[in-house]
Protein backbone atom coordinates (compact mmCIF):
# COMPACT_ATOMS: atom_id res chain seq x y z
CA MET A 1 -0.09 0.01 0.01
CA ARG A 2 2.78 2.53 0.85
CA GLY A 3 4.44 2.14 -2.58
CA ARG A 4 0.88 2.77 -4.42
CA ALA A 5 0.39 5.51 -2.25
CA LEU A 6 3.75 7.06 -3.11
CA ARG A 7 3.22 6.56 -6.73
CA GLY A 8 -0.07 8.16 -6.47
CA LEU A 9 1.19 11.48 -4.74
CA ILE A 10 4.01 11.60 -7.48
CA ALA A 11 1.28 11.24 -10.19
CA LEU A 12 -0.55 14.15 -8.39
CA ALA A 13 2.43 16.04 -8.11
CA ALA A 14 3.56 15.86 -11.71
CA ALA A 15 -0.11 16.81 -12.64
CA GLY A 16 0.11 20.03 -10.67
CA THR A 17 -2.46 19.11 -8.47
CA ALA A 18 -2.75 20.79 -5.04
CA THR A 19 -4.77 18.17 -3.46
CA ALA A 20 -3.41 14.65 -2.44
CA VAL A 21 -5.88 12.06 -2.68
CA ILE A 22 -5.17 8.30 -1.59
CA PRO A 23 -7.57 5.82 -2.60
CA ALA A 24 -8.98 4.02 0.55
CA ARG A 25 -9.16 0.34 0.49
CA ALA A 26 -12.43 -0.13 2.31
CA GLN A 27 -15.76 0.52 0.79
CA ALA A 28 -16.12 4.33 -0.78
CA PRO A 29 -17.77 6.52 1.74
CA GLY A 30 -20.14 7.80 -1.15
CA ARG A 31 -22.05 7.05 -3.93
CA VAL A 32 -23.29 8.59 -7.44
CA GLU A 33 -26.72 8.21 -8.71
CA VAL A 34 -27.41 9.06 -12.51
CA THR A 35 -30.79 9.24 -14.06
CA LEU A 36 -31.25 10.23 -17.75
CA GLU A 37 -34.04 12.27 -19.16
CA ALA A 38 -34.24 11.57 -22.77
CA PRO A 39 -36.24 12.98 -25.47
CA ARG A 40 -39.43 10.71 -26.37
CA ALA A 41 -39.19 11.18 -30.06
CA LEU A 42 -36.30 11.66 -32.50
CA VAL A 43 -36.18 12.12 -36.19
CA ALA A 44 -32.97 11.78 -38.48
CA GLY A 45 -31.49 15.37 -38.88
CA ASP A 46 -32.53 16.41 -35.18
CA ARG A 47 -30.31 18.27 -32.69
CA ALA A 48 -31.51 17.54 -29.40
CA GLU A 49 -30.29 17.06 -25.88
CA VAL A 50 -30.36 14.12 -23.07
CA VAL A 51 -30.34 15.69 -19.52
CA ALA A 52 -28.15 13.73 -17.18
CA VAL A 53 -29.23 14.37 -13.32
CA VAL A 54 -26.16 13.67 -10.97
CA ARG A 55 -26.68 13.14 -7.33
CA ILE A 56 -23.43 12.50 -5.23
CA GLU A 57 -24.01 11.48 -1.54
CA PRO A 58 -22.65 13.04 0.36
CA ALA A 59 -23.12 16.16 -1.68
CA ASN A 60 -19.55 17.97 -2.11
CA ASP A 61 -17.96 20.44 -4.54
CA LEU A 62 -15.15 18.36 -5.49
CA PRO A 63 -14.31 17.62 -9.00
CA LEU A 64 -16.52 15.86 -11.43
CA LEU A 65 -16.18 14.38 -14.84
CA VAL A 66 -19.24 13.47 -17.12
CA THR A 67 -18.52 11.15 -20.09
CA PRO A 68 -21.42 10.56 -22.63
CA ARG A 69 -21.24 8.13 -25.41
CA SER A 70 -23.29 6.45 -27.92
CA GLU A 71 -23.36 2.96 -29.24
CA GLY A 72 -24.83 2.67 -32.59
CA ALA A 73 -24.93 4.74 -35.54
CA ALA A 74 -28.27 6.43 -35.02
CA VAL A 75 -27.18 8.96 -32.34
CA GLU A 76 -23.78 10.82 -32.25
CA VAL A 77 -22.72 12.59 -28.79
CA VAL A 78 -21.59 16.37 -29.69
CA ARG A 79 -19.47 16.99 -26.54
CA GLY A 80 -17.77 13.96 -25.25
CA ARG A 81 -16.61 15.26 -21.63
CA LEU A 82 -18.09 17.71 -19.06
CA LEU A 83 -16.92 19.03 -15.92
CA ARG A 84 -18.88 20.31 -12.75
CA ALA A 85 -18.57 23.77 -14.32
CA ASP A 86 -20.61 22.57 -17.42
CA ALA A 87 -23.76 21.86 -15.21
CA GLU A 88 -26.78 24.25 -15.38
CA ASP A 89 -25.83 25.41 -11.90
CA PRO A 90 -22.52 24.05 -10.24
CA THR A 91 -23.83 24.44 -6.97
CA ALA A 92 -27.12 22.78 -7.14
CA VAL A 93 -28.32 19.40 -5.55
CA PRO A 94 -28.61 17.47 -7.73
CA LEU A 95 -26.37 18.51 -10.75
CA ARG A 96 -28.19 18.95 -14.04
CA PHE A 97 -26.08 18.39 -17.29
CA ARG A 98 -27.26 19.08 -20.92
CA LEU A 99 -25.75 16.71 -23.42
CA PRO A 100 -26.18 17.64 -26.86
CA ILE A 101 -26.94 14.91 -29.56
CA VAL A 102 -27.68 14.47 -33.08
CA ALA A 103 -29.77 11.83 -34.67
CA ARG A 104 -27.94 10.83 -37.76
CA GLY A 105 -30.15 8.46 -39.48
CA ALA A 106 -32.90 5.82 -38.57
CA GLY A 107 -32.33 3.25 -36.05
CA THR A 108 -31.48 2.60 -32.23
CA SER A 109 -28.33 3.64 -30.50
CA VAL A 110 -27.74 3.15 -26.60
CA PHE A 111 -26.78 6.36 -24.90
CA ARG A 112 -24.62 5.83 -21.90
CA VAL A 113 -23.11 8.17 -19.37
CA ARG A 114 -20.43 7.74 -16.79
CA VAL A 115 -19.73 10.06 -13.90
CA SER A 116 -16.67 10.20 -12.00
CA GLY A 117 -16.46 12.11 -8.88
CA TRP A 118 -14.76 12.00 -5.35
CA ALA A 119 -16.52 11.28 -1.85
CA CYS A 120 -14.81 12.14 1.10
CA ASP A 121 -15.29 11.03 4.97
CA ARG A 122 -11.78 10.75 6.74
CA ARG A 123 -10.22 9.77 3.31
CA CYS A 124 -11.43 10.44 -0.07
CA ALA A 125 -12.21 8.03 -2.71
CA GLN A 126 -13.34 7.98 -6.27
CA VAL A 127 -16.75 7.22 -6.69
CA THR A 128 -18.54 6.34 -10.22
CA GLY A 129 -21.96 6.04 -11.39
CA ASP A 130 -23.55 5.17 -14.64
CA ALA A 131 -26.97 5.12 -16.58
CA SER A 132 -28.08 4.17 -19.99
CA ALA A 133 -31.23 5.12 -22.33
CA VAL A 134 -32.28 3.63 -25.63
CA LEU A 135 -32.85 6.03 -28.13
CA ARG A 136 -34.98 5.41 -31.22
CA VAL A 137 -34.73 7.59 -34.37
CA GLU A 138 -37.14 7.54 -37.15
CA ARG A 139 -36.61 8.47 -40.65
CA GLU A 140 -36.46 11.98 -41.88
CA ARG A 141 -39.75 14.30 -42.18
CA ASP A 142 -41.08 14.42 -45.51
């Protein structure tokens, strides 16, 4: 453990991070809940948003990374990474992120979001949460 902690501190120092976070061996002191609000209907060519609602327990203002992706050719993710500052209100609980998408063609895609953050008790530990939604795209309008 000591060598692993030392490597972590060296990596943080190299990255220019002022706060040292050593992963705890015990169960993480918190959790991340992610829910998605997806558009009900999409037509090829539409530009839309999926809203990710993120709740971190216990609530904090530590760094947060939201990574959306799409599996399938029907939907394309416009922006691949968002930070806490990209939320509608970075101080709100829960946080709401607007994730832009483009409906490329008729078909089905699975839209997935992974959220990584930190929860701290006596020690800080990384916590993650995932959510997914099936998005169906209809053919272009006449």
